Protein backbone atom coordinates (compact mmCIF):
# COMPACT_ATOMS: atom_id res chain seq x y z
CA MET A 1 -179.32 161.71 26.09
CA GLY A 2 -176.34 162.33 23.81
CA GLU A 3 -176.29 163.49 20.23
CA ALA A 4 -178.07 161.16 17.80
CA PRO A 5 -175.71 158.99 15.70
CA GLY A 6 -175.78 159.53 11.95
CA THR A 7 -176.60 156.88 9.37
CA GLU A 8 -172.94 156.53 8.42
CA ALA A 9 -171.96 155.82 12.02
CA ILE A 10 -174.71 153.22 12.39
CA LEU A 11 -173.74 151.49 9.14
CA ALA A 12 -170.07 151.58 10.10
CA ALA A 13 -170.92 149.81 13.35
CA LEU A 14 -173.06 147.21 11.57
CA GLY A 15 -170.19 146.71 9.13
CA GLU A 16 -168.30 145.09 12.00
CA VAL A 17 -170.90 142.31 12.29
CA LYS A 18 -170.39 139.31 10.03
CA SER A 19 -172.89 136.73 8.87
CA PRO A 20 -171.87 133.44 10.53
CA ASP A 21 -172.58 131.49 7.33
CA LEU A 22 -171.15 133.74 4.62
CA ASP A 23 -168.23 135.36 6.49
CA ARG A 24 -169.21 138.77 5.09
CA ASP A 25 -170.48 141.78 7.00
CA LEU A 26 -174.18 142.61 7.08
CA VAL A 27 -173.81 145.90 5.22
CA SER A 28 -171.89 144.55 2.22
CA LEU A 29 -174.41 141.70 2.00
CA HIS A 30 -177.24 144.29 1.95
CA LEU A 31 -179.11 142.48 4.71
CA VAL A 32 -179.94 145.63 6.72
CA HIS A 33 -183.27 147.30 5.88
CA ASP A 34 -185.76 149.81 7.34
CA LEU A 35 -183.03 151.56 9.33
CA ALA A 36 -184.33 154.33 11.60
CA TYR A 37 -183.42 156.19 14.80
CA LYS A 38 -185.93 157.69 17.23
CA GLN A 39 -185.46 158.95 20.78
CA GLY A 40 -182.42 156.85 21.57
CA THR A 41 -183.62 153.66 19.86
CA ILE A 42 -182.32 152.24 16.57
CA TYR A 43 -184.84 150.27 14.51
CA LEU A 44 -183.82 147.89 11.74
CA THR A 45 -184.90 144.76 9.90
CA LEU A 46 -182.60 141.89 8.99
CA ARG A 47 -183.87 140.64 5.63
CA PRO A 48 -183.42 137.80 5.16
CA SER A 49 -182.21 136.55 8.50
CA PRO A 50 -180.38 133.23 8.99
CA PRO A 51 -182.73 130.24 8.96
CA ALA A 52 -181.03 128.68 12.02
CA GLU A 53 -182.21 130.00 15.39
CA ALA A 54 -178.72 129.85 16.93
CA ALA A 55 -177.34 132.00 14.11
CA ARG A 56 -180.19 134.51 14.54
CA ARG A 57 -179.51 134.82 18.27
CA HIS A 58 -175.79 135.28 17.61
CA LEU A 59 -176.42 138.05 15.07
CA GLU A 60 -178.94 139.79 17.32
CA ALA A 61 -176.47 139.83 20.20
CA GLU A 62 -173.68 141.19 17.99
CA ILE A 63 -175.90 143.87 16.45
CA LYS A 64 -177.02 145.07 19.86
CA ARG A 65 -173.46 145.03 21.14
CA VAL A 66 -172.09 147.33 18.41
CA LEU A 67 -175.12 149.64 18.27
CA LEU A 68 -175.50 150.14 22.01
CA ALA A 69 -171.85 151.21 22.08
CA LEU A 70 -172.73 154.25 19.93
CA PRO A 71 -173.19 157.59 21.72
CA GLY A 72 -176.82 158.39 22.38
CA VAL A 73 -178.15 154.88 21.71
CA THR A 74 -180.13 153.35 24.57
CA GLY A 75 -182.10 150.66 22.77
CA VAL A 76 -182.22 148.47 19.64
CA GLU A 77 -185.41 147.09 18.05
CA LEU A 78 -184.56 144.33 15.56
CA LYS A 79 -186.97 142.47 13.29
CA HIS A 80 -186.09 139.21 11.54
CA GLU A 81 -187.51 138.24 8.15
CA PRO A 82 -186.63 134.65 7.23
CA PRO A 83 -185.72 133.50 3.70
CA ARG A 84 -188.74 132.93 1.50
CA ALA A 85 -190.19 129.44 1.25
CA ALA A 86 -188.98 127.14 -1.53
CA GLY A 87 -190.79 127.87 -4.79
CA ALA A 88 -191.92 131.37 -3.77
CA GLN A 89 -191.03 134.19 -6.12
CA PRO A 90 -189.16 137.36 -5.10
CA PRO A 91 -191.07 140.65 -5.38
CA ALA A 92 -191.10 141.51 -9.09
CA ALA A 93 -190.65 145.22 -8.45
CA GLU A 94 -187.27 144.71 -6.79
CA LYS A 95 -185.57 142.97 -9.71
CA ILE A 96 -185.76 143.12 -13.48
CA GLY A 97 -185.25 140.50 -16.13
CA VAL A 98 -183.77 140.62 -19.61
CA PRO A 99 -186.27 141.30 -22.42
CA GLY A 100 -186.92 138.19 -24.49
CA VAL A 101 -185.26 135.82 -22.01
CA ARG A 102 -187.51 133.29 -20.31
CA HIS A 103 -185.19 131.73 -17.70
CA ILE A 104 -182.09 133.34 -16.21
CA ILE A 105 -180.09 130.76 -14.26
CA ALA A 106 -176.94 131.46 -12.27
CA ILE A 107 -174.37 128.69 -11.90
CA GLY A 108 -172.13 129.20 -8.90
CA SER A 109 -169.75 127.50 -6.50
CA GLY A 110 -168.23 128.26 -3.14
CA LYS A 111 -164.67 127.83 -4.43
CA GLY A 112 -162.66 127.57 -7.62
CA GLY A 113 -161.47 124.37 -9.24
CA VAL A 114 -164.72 122.42 -9.00
CA GLY A 115 -165.44 122.50 -12.74
CA LYS A 116 -168.21 125.10 -12.64
CA THR A 117 -167.40 126.52 -16.07
CA THR A 118 -167.09 123.02 -17.53
CA VAL A 119 -170.58 122.26 -16.23
CA SER A 120 -171.92 125.59 -17.55
CA VAL A 121 -170.48 125.11 -21.04
CA ASN A 122 -171.62 121.52 -21.49
CA LEU A 123 -175.02 122.23 -19.95
CA ALA A 124 -175.57 125.15 -22.35
CA ILE A 125 -174.68 123.01 -25.37
CA ALA A 126 -176.88 120.14 -24.18
CA LEU A 127 -179.87 122.46 -23.74
CA ALA A 128 -179.29 123.92 -27.21
CA GLU A 129 -178.96 120.47 -28.78
CA GLN A 130 -182.32 119.53 -27.25
CA GLY A 131 -184.05 122.36 -29.06
CA ALA A 132 -183.80 125.34 -26.72
CA ALA A 133 -182.52 128.82 -27.53
CA VAL A 134 -179.63 129.29 -25.13
CA GLY A 135 -177.23 132.05 -24.13
CA LEU A 136 -174.16 131.73 -21.91
CA MET A 137 -172.83 134.77 -20.07
CA ASP A 138 -169.33 134.41 -18.64
CA ALA A 139 -169.50 136.56 -15.52
CA ASP A 140 -166.09 135.47 -14.24
CA VAL A 141 -164.51 138.79 -15.15
CA TYR A 142 -161.11 138.03 -13.58
CA GLY A 143 -160.68 134.54 -15.01
CA PRO A 144 -162.89 134.08 -18.10
CA ASN A 145 -162.51 130.52 -19.41
CA VAL A 146 -165.58 130.24 -21.63
CA PRO A 147 -163.75 131.45 -24.80
CA ARG A 148 -161.17 128.65 -24.59
CA MET A 149 -163.65 125.97 -23.64
CA MET A 150 -166.03 126.95 -26.43
CA GLY A 151 -163.22 127.26 -28.99
CA ILE A 152 -163.94 130.84 -30.02
CA ASN A 153 -162.16 134.10 -29.30
CA GLN A 154 -163.23 137.05 -31.43
CA MET A 155 -164.20 140.65 -30.84
CA PRO A 156 -168.02 140.96 -30.80
CA ARG A 157 -169.64 143.44 -33.18
CA VAL A 158 -171.50 146.51 -32.01
CA VAL A 159 -174.96 146.68 -33.59
CA GLY A 160 -177.83 149.15 -33.56
CA GLY A 161 -178.46 151.11 -30.40
CA ASN A 162 -174.84 150.68 -29.33
CA ARG A 163 -175.55 147.10 -28.30
CA ILE A 164 -173.14 144.17 -28.39
CA GLU A 165 -173.93 141.24 -30.63
CA PRO A 166 -173.09 137.97 -28.84
CA LEU A 167 -170.86 135.45 -30.56
CA SER A 168 -172.25 132.03 -31.39
CA GLN A 169 -170.71 128.59 -31.06
CA TYR A 170 -172.28 125.12 -30.92
CA GLY A 171 -175.70 126.76 -31.11
CA VAL A 172 -175.10 128.87 -27.98
CA ARG A 173 -174.94 132.69 -27.90
CA LEU A 174 -171.93 133.84 -25.88
CA ILE A 175 -170.49 136.88 -24.17
CA SER A 176 -167.33 136.99 -22.06
CA MET A 177 -164.77 139.48 -20.83
CA GLY A 178 -162.32 137.17 -22.61
CA PHE A 179 -163.73 138.41 -25.93
CA LEU A 180 -163.26 142.06 -24.96
CA ASN A 181 -159.93 141.68 -23.18
CA PRO A 182 -158.16 138.76 -24.92
CA GLY A 183 -154.74 137.37 -24.13
CA ASP A 184 -152.95 137.34 -20.79
CA LYS A 185 -153.68 140.92 -19.78
CA PRO A 186 -155.32 140.84 -16.32
CA VAL A 187 -158.51 142.69 -15.39
CA ILE A 188 -157.71 144.76 -12.28
CA TRP A 189 -161.02 146.21 -11.17
CA ARG A 190 -162.78 147.11 -7.96
CA GLY A 191 -166.40 146.41 -7.07
CA PRO A 192 -168.20 149.27 -8.90
CA MET A 193 -166.52 148.38 -12.20
CA LEU A 194 -167.53 144.74 -11.76
CA HIS A 195 -171.11 145.84 -11.16
CA SER A 196 -171.03 147.91 -14.36
CA ALA A 197 -169.64 145.00 -16.42
CA VAL A 198 -172.31 142.60 -15.18
CA GLN A 199 -175.08 145.07 -15.98
CA GLN A 200 -173.63 145.74 -19.44
CA PHE A 201 -173.51 142.03 -20.24
CA LEU A 202 -177.14 141.69 -19.14
CA ARG A 203 -178.69 144.86 -20.54
CA GLN A 204 -176.53 145.91 -23.50
CA VAL A 205 -176.02 142.57 -25.22
CA ALA A 206 -178.51 141.78 -28.00
CA TRP A 207 -179.47 138.37 -26.63
CA GLY A 208 -182.68 138.10 -28.63
CA GLU A 209 -185.31 135.50 -27.74
CA LEU A 210 -183.89 132.88 -25.36
CA ASP A 211 -185.33 129.99 -23.41
CA TYR A 212 -182.33 130.00 -21.09
CA LEU A 213 -179.59 132.46 -20.24
CA LEU A 214 -177.01 130.62 -18.14
CA ILE A 215 -174.65 132.83 -16.13
CA ASP A 216 -171.30 131.31 -15.20
CA LEU A 217 -170.44 133.10 -11.94
CA PRO A 218 -166.95 133.55 -10.53
CA PRO A 219 -166.18 131.29 -7.56
CA GLY A 220 -167.13 132.36 -4.07
CA THR A 221 -169.69 134.81 -2.72
CA GLY A 222 -168.20 138.10 -3.90
CA ASP A 223 -169.38 141.26 -5.64
CA VAL A 224 -170.41 139.76 -8.99
CA ALA A 225 -172.67 137.14 -7.42
CA LEU A 226 -174.20 139.70 -5.05
CA THR A 227 -174.83 142.23 -7.85
CA LEU A 228 -176.52 139.65 -10.01
CA ALA A 229 -178.62 138.19 -7.21
CA GLN A 230 -179.82 141.57 -5.98
CA THR A 231 -180.64 143.24 -9.32
CA THR A 232 -181.77 140.50 -11.69
CA ALA A 233 -184.97 138.45 -11.78
CA LEU A 234 -183.40 135.01 -11.73
CA THR A 235 -185.39 131.84 -12.17
CA GLY A 236 -182.89 130.32 -9.78
CA ALA A 237 -179.36 129.12 -9.22
CA VAL A 238 -177.38 125.90 -9.50
CA VAL A 239 -174.55 125.13 -7.07
CA VAL A 240 -171.62 123.01 -8.31
CA THR A 241 -169.37 121.16 -5.90
CA THR A 242 -167.03 118.20 -5.81
CA PRO A 243 -167.70 115.45 -3.24
CA SER A 244 -164.66 116.36 -1.11
CA ASP A 245 -165.28 117.82 2.34
CA VAL A 246 -163.28 120.98 1.52
CA SER A 247 -165.40 121.70 -1.54
CA LEU A 248 -168.65 120.88 0.27
CA GLU A 249 -167.75 123.30 3.06
CA ASP A 250 -167.50 126.16 0.57
CA GLY A 251 -170.47 124.91 -1.43
CA ARG A 252 -172.62 125.39 1.67
CA LYS A 253 -171.65 129.06 1.70
CA ALA A 254 -172.71 129.50 -1.93
CA LEU A 255 -176.00 127.74 -1.25
CA ASN A 256 -176.62 129.88 1.84
CA MET A 257 -175.80 133.03 -0.11
CA PHE A 258 -178.50 132.31 -2.68
CA ARG A 259 -181.01 131.52 0.05
CA TYR A 260 -180.15 134.68 1.98
CA LEU A 261 -180.72 136.71 -1.16
CA ASN A 262 -184.06 135.02 -1.89
CA ILE A 263 -182.79 133.15 -4.95
CA GLU A 264 -184.39 129.76 -5.51
CA VAL A 265 -181.76 127.00 -5.52
CA LEU A 266 -182.78 124.84 -8.47
CA GLY A 267 -180.44 122.10 -7.40
CA LEU A 268 -176.96 120.91 -6.61
CA VAL A 269 -174.52 119.20 -8.99
CA GLU A 270 -171.72 116.93 -7.81
CA ASN A 271 -168.82 117.14 -10.26
CA MET A 272 -165.64 115.05 -10.51
CA GLY A 273 -167.12 111.97 -8.87
CA SER A 274 -166.05 108.45 -9.69
CA PHE A 275 -163.18 107.86 -12.12
CA VAL A 276 -163.22 104.68 -14.19
CA CYS A 277 -159.73 103.49 -15.09
CA PRO A 278 -159.56 103.04 -18.89
CA HIS A 279 -157.29 99.99 -18.49
CA CYS A 280 -158.78 97.87 -15.72
CA ARG A 281 -162.28 99.51 -15.67
CA GLU A 282 -162.04 99.77 -11.89
CA SER A 283 -163.97 102.70 -10.39
CA VAL A 284 -161.97 104.97 -8.08
CA ASP A 285 -163.44 107.80 -5.97
CA ILE A 286 -160.53 110.23 -6.21
CA PHE A 287 -162.42 113.14 -4.64
CA SER A 288 -164.64 110.92 -2.45
CA HIS A 289 -168.20 110.09 -3.48
CA GLY A 290 -171.76 111.00 -2.58
CA GLY A 291 -171.00 114.18 -0.65
CA GLY A 292 -173.04 116.33 -2.99
CA GLU A 293 -176.13 114.16 -2.68
CA ARG A 294 -175.83 114.13 1.10
CA MET A 295 -175.49 117.91 1.18
CA ALA A 296 -178.56 118.29 -1.04
CA ALA A 297 -180.54 116.12 1.36
CA GLU A 298 -179.24 118.13 4.33
CA PHE A 299 -180.44 121.41 2.79
CA GLN A 300 -183.62 119.85 1.32
CA THR A 301 -182.43 120.94 -2.13
CA PRO A 302 -182.93 118.89 -5.32
CA PHE A 303 -179.92 116.86 -6.38
CA LEU A 304 -179.54 117.31 -10.14
CA GLY A 305 -176.92 114.62 -10.62
CA ALA A 306 -173.36 113.40 -10.23
CA LEU A 307 -170.84 113.90 -13.04
CA PRO A 308 -167.85 111.55 -13.33
CA LEU A 309 -164.21 112.56 -13.45
CA ASP A 310 -163.58 111.95 -17.15
CA PRO A 311 -160.31 112.80 -18.97
CA GLN A 312 -162.32 113.36 -22.18
CA VAL A 313 -164.17 116.23 -20.51
CA ARG A 314 -160.90 117.91 -19.53
CA ALA A 315 -159.40 117.38 -22.99
CA GLY A 316 -162.53 118.70 -24.71
CA GLY A 317 -162.47 121.87 -22.64
CA ASP A 318 -158.79 122.48 -23.31
CA GLN A 319 -159.28 121.94 -27.05
CA GLY A 320 -162.42 124.06 -27.39
CA HIS A 321 -164.64 121.09 -28.22
CA PRO A 322 -166.72 120.16 -25.15
CA PRO A 323 -168.04 116.58 -25.07
CA ALA A 324 -171.67 117.77 -25.18
CA ALA A 325 -170.97 118.95 -28.74
CA GLU A 326 -170.61 115.27 -29.71
CA GLY A 327 -174.33 114.72 -29.14
CA PRO A 328 -176.40 112.91 -26.51
CA GLN A 329 -175.16 109.43 -27.46
CA ALA A 330 -171.48 110.18 -26.82
CA PRO A 331 -170.48 108.45 -23.55
CA ALA A 332 -168.82 111.55 -22.08
CA ALA A 333 -171.80 113.71 -23.05
CA LYS A 334 -174.66 111.61 -21.66
CA PRO A 335 -174.45 112.88 -18.05
CA TYR A 336 -174.74 116.49 -19.25
CA TYR A 337 -177.84 115.76 -21.32
CA GLU A 338 -179.45 114.08 -18.33
CA LEU A 339 -178.50 117.12 -16.23
CA ALA A 340 -180.01 119.44 -18.86
CA ARG A 341 -183.33 117.59 -18.76
CA ARG A 342 -183.50 117.73 -14.98
CA LEU A 343 -182.62 121.43 -14.93
CA ALA A 344 -185.26 122.23 -17.56
CA ALA A 345 -187.86 120.41 -15.48
CA ARG A 346 -186.84 122.31 -12.33
CA ALA A 347 -186.96 125.67 -14.12
CA ALA A 348 -190.46 124.85 -15.40
CA GLU A 349 -191.56 124.08 -11.83
CA ILE A 350 -190.46 127.52 -10.65
CA LEU A 351 -191.61 129.46 -13.70
CA PRO A 352 -194.18 127.43 -15.70
CA GLU A 353 -193.93 127.73 -19.46
CA PRO A 354 -196.69 129.62 -21.30
CA GLU A 355 -198.26 127.79 -24.22
CA ASN A 356 -196.56 129.97 -26.83
CA TRP A 357 -193.05 129.63 -25.42
CA LEU A 358 -190.21 127.51 -26.76
CA HIS A 359 -189.81 124.10 -25.16
CA VAL A 360 -186.94 121.72 -24.62
CA ARG A 361 -187.70 118.49 -26.39
CA ALA A 362 -187.75 115.39 -24.22
């Protein structure tokens, strides 16, 4: 028997194996646990493993292929732990929340350009207008758009304990890299710096008492989303997609990422659906129609609603006055208020409200 391989060599080999759903390697996704070596055999647990049996068999074959190629390795013992069942809570000891915040909800997408930040901004305002205390954290460090869409761009104050006081607009408490790094200067950071920024926004911002802290994630399944999902006690996540096949393909990756990381998917939102011509009132499905609802049914995930493609929504975001700020009776705002009510109900299912907590008014 040859010399035993070190942990670094084993992890380097496993780093060559990619998840078939997320197109990321097992090590960077932090799916490898309980790693051990004894008398020629490597022991490990894949947690969580892919829900599909074919994907599990593929990963097992690839893991054995790369590990058995290491000097001194004669066997591989692999355990699979599937994603937790819908509604189950992650172990509390593994993740921590934010003091005073009841629900932490991540809003993500598999790709850019689907209107995720537009949904986050209008959803936050709609929740606040219905009586909730709401915060919005712009976690898209590279491309922060919340300041423009919310019509505010100031430098936050530092208060007691070297904490950052969030800005406030339309009844929503806000923090964004756009406040700290305004203008056109790019943020050129690697992974560890992104991790630090996310943790600072969560732990060093004086959020106060909140019913909801919405976190607008950057697109895709990269470092920011992984850091948040693995370190923070989230109530759950919302996936935003358009009904086009290209968007749905990437939306599946975002949904699978949350499931792999044991984050409850509160529901799926289809954005940029039907467009009603202001002249002839004819409805046109520019980006197709119904794809989001079909995907939700496929994954047995709640469908929170379809949002139309509305020029007023785009104009409101560009001008810093989102349509939700017009109130629940404004035509462009109504879909967001309906979405807010459905999301509040889903959050209460996952984490029931205590009697003394704030409530969103019906």
